[in-house]
């Protein structure tokens, strides 16, 4: 069960992720995106999901029971090779429905002081 004191708290990573052209090319190939000038819009999740799980590992969520419910993105500028992105994750909401926990997490990717992408993930922790 999620620790209720964590709702509204933001957790910031201590290490940034350097985006390489190779990582963009590999991601684009998997989804069939021919444009390699910048990362595909959904590329952000390859960073934010991994980072937010690390940041929230001590939240009380049983990660073995988590399924993905929904995802949305707000892209302020494209991610490009050479970006050095730092992730912060905020637990925005939590509710229990039919014994299942439903948690909304916003993850922000910053390059320096600039916000590049925000992602929202709805996670369902099965009862």
Protein backbone atom coordinates (compact mmCIF):
# COMPACT_ATOMS: atom_id res chain seq x y z
CA UNK A 1 0.00 0.00 0.00
CA UNK A 2 1.29 3.44 -0.93
CA UNK A 3 2.46 5.51 2.00
CA UNK A 4 -0.19 8.31 2.06
CA UNK A 5 2.41 10.82 3.32
CA UNK A 6 4.09 10.59 -0.10
CA UNK A 7 1.15 12.03 -2.06
CA UNK A 8 2.23 15.40 -3.44
CA UNK A 9 5.92 14.77 -2.82
CA UNK A 10 8.48 15.16 -5.57
CA UNK A 11 11.50 12.90 -5.84
CA UNK A 12 14.42 14.07 -7.99
CA UNK A 13 17.08 11.81 -9.42
CA UNK A 14 20.71 12.40 -8.59
CA UNK A 15 22.03 11.34 -12.00
CA UNK A 16 21.04 12.63 -15.40
CA UNK A 17 20.63 10.50 -18.52
CA UNK A 18 22.66 11.45 -21.60
CA UNK A 19 20.59 10.92 -24.77
CA UNK A 20 22.61 9.39 -27.60
CA UNK A 21 21.81 9.28 -31.29
CA UNK A 22 22.09 5.50 -31.02
CA UNK A 23 19.33 5.35 -28.38
CA UNK A 24 17.08 7.55 -30.53
CA UNK A 25 17.79 5.43 -33.62
CA UNK A 26 17.05 2.15 -31.80
CA UNK A 27 13.80 3.48 -30.32
CA UNK A 28 12.70 4.92 -33.67
CA UNK A 29 13.41 1.61 -35.44
CA UNK A 30 11.18 -0.31 -33.03
CA UNK A 31 8.19 1.95 -33.70
CA UNK A 32 8.89 2.47 -37.40
CA UNK A 33 9.74 6.18 -37.17
CA UNK A 34 11.92 7.27 -40.11
CA UNK A 35 12.74 10.78 -38.80
CA UNK A 36 15.93 10.62 -36.74
CA UNK A 37 16.47 14.39 -36.33
CA UNK A 38 14.93 14.18 -32.86
CA UNK A 39 13.52 11.51 -30.59
CA UNK A 40 9.97 10.30 -31.27
CA UNK A 41 7.45 11.84 -28.85
CA UNK A 42 7.06 8.63 -26.84
CA UNK A 43 10.85 8.27 -26.37
CA UNK A 44 10.52 10.23 -23.12
CA UNK A 45 8.89 7.23 -21.45
CA UNK A 46 12.04 5.16 -21.97
CA UNK A 47 13.75 7.55 -19.58
CA UNK A 48 10.97 8.66 -17.26
CA UNK A 49 9.51 5.20 -16.54
CA UNK A 50 12.84 3.70 -15.54
CA UNK A 51 13.80 6.77 -13.54
CA UNK A 52 10.46 7.16 -11.76
CA UNK A 53 10.49 3.49 -10.72
CA UNK A 54 13.93 3.99 -9.16
CA UNK A 55 12.83 7.19 -7.45
CA UNK A 56 9.63 5.62 -6.10
CA UNK A 57 10.99 2.19 -5.18
CA UNK A 58 10.52 2.86 -1.46
CA UNK A 59 6.99 4.29 -1.79
CA UNK A 60 5.24 1.20 -0.49
CA UNK A 61 3.90 0.18 -3.93
CA UNK A 62 4.12 -3.52 -4.69
CA UNK A 63 5.83 -3.23 -8.10
CA UNK A 64 5.18 -6.93 -8.81
CA UNK A 65 1.45 -6.11 -8.97
CA UNK A 66 1.65 -2.87 -10.99
CA UNK A 67 0.04 -2.68 -14.41
CA UNK A 68 0.05 0.36 -16.67
CA UNK A 69 -3.29 2.14 -16.86
CA UNK A 70 -2.76 5.27 -18.94
CA UNK A 71 -0.03 7.56 -20.29
CA UNK A 72 0.02 11.14 -21.53
CA UNK A 73 2.74 13.55 -22.58
CA UNK A 74 3.30 17.30 -22.69
CA UNK A 75 6.23 18.03 -24.97
CA UNK A 76 7.71 21.50 -24.61
CA UNK A 77 10.49 20.79 -27.09
CA UNK A 78 11.76 17.67 -28.86
CA UNK A 79 14.40 15.53 -27.19
CA UNK A 80 17.59 15.50 -29.26
CA UNK A 81 20.89 13.62 -29.15
CA UNK A 82 23.20 15.25 -26.64
CA UNK A 83 20.45 16.21 -24.18
CA UNK A 84 21.39 15.55 -20.59
CA UNK A 85 18.04 14.91 -18.88
CA UNK A 86 17.31 14.83 -15.16
CA UNK A 87 14.06 13.20 -14.03
CA UNK A 88 11.85 14.20 -11.14
CA UNK A 89 8.68 12.32 -10.25
CA UNK A 90 5.70 13.54 -8.25
CA UNK A 91 2.97 11.32 -6.83
CA UNK A 92 -0.05 13.42 -7.77
CA UNK A 93 -3.04 11.28 -6.80
CA UNK A 94 -3.92 8.03 -5.10
CA UNK A 95 -7.23 6.27 -4.68
CA UNK A 96 -8.49 2.78 -4.00
CA UNK A 97 -11.15 1.29 -6.29
CA UNK A 98 -12.48 -2.24 -5.72
CA UNK A 99 -9.37 -3.00 -3.67
CA UNK A 100 -7.00 -1.82 -6.42
CA UNK A 101 -4.73 1.16 -5.84
CA UNK A 102 -4.72 3.72 -8.64
CA UNK A 103 -1.77 6.08 -8.56
CA UNK A 104 -1.00 9.01 -10.87
CA UNK A 105 2.65 9.96 -11.22
CA UNK A 106 3.96 12.99 -13.13
CA UNK A 107 7.55 12.76 -14.29
CA UNK A 108 9.37 15.83 -15.56
CA UNK A 109 12.50 15.68 -17.70
CA UNK A 110 14.73 18.74 -17.38
CA UNK A 111 17.73 19.76 -19.44
CA UNK A 112 19.53 22.15 -17.13
CA UNK A 113 16.86 24.52 -15.84
CA UNK A 114 14.58 23.94 -18.87
CA UNK A 115 11.58 21.63 -18.64
CA UNK A 116 11.61 19.50 -21.81
CA UNK A 117 8.83 16.92 -21.33
CA UNK A 118 6.26 16.05 -18.68
CA UNK A 119 4.69 12.61 -18.65
CA UNK A 120 1.78 11.35 -16.59
CA UNK A 121 1.47 7.65 -15.81
CA UNK A 122 -1.55 6.06 -14.22
CA UNK A 123 -0.48 2.92 -12.42
CA UNK A 124 -2.87 0.27 -11.16
CA UNK A 125 -1.68 -1.91 -8.30
CA UNK A 126 -3.84 -5.01 -8.50
CA UNK A 127 -5.45 -6.23 -5.29
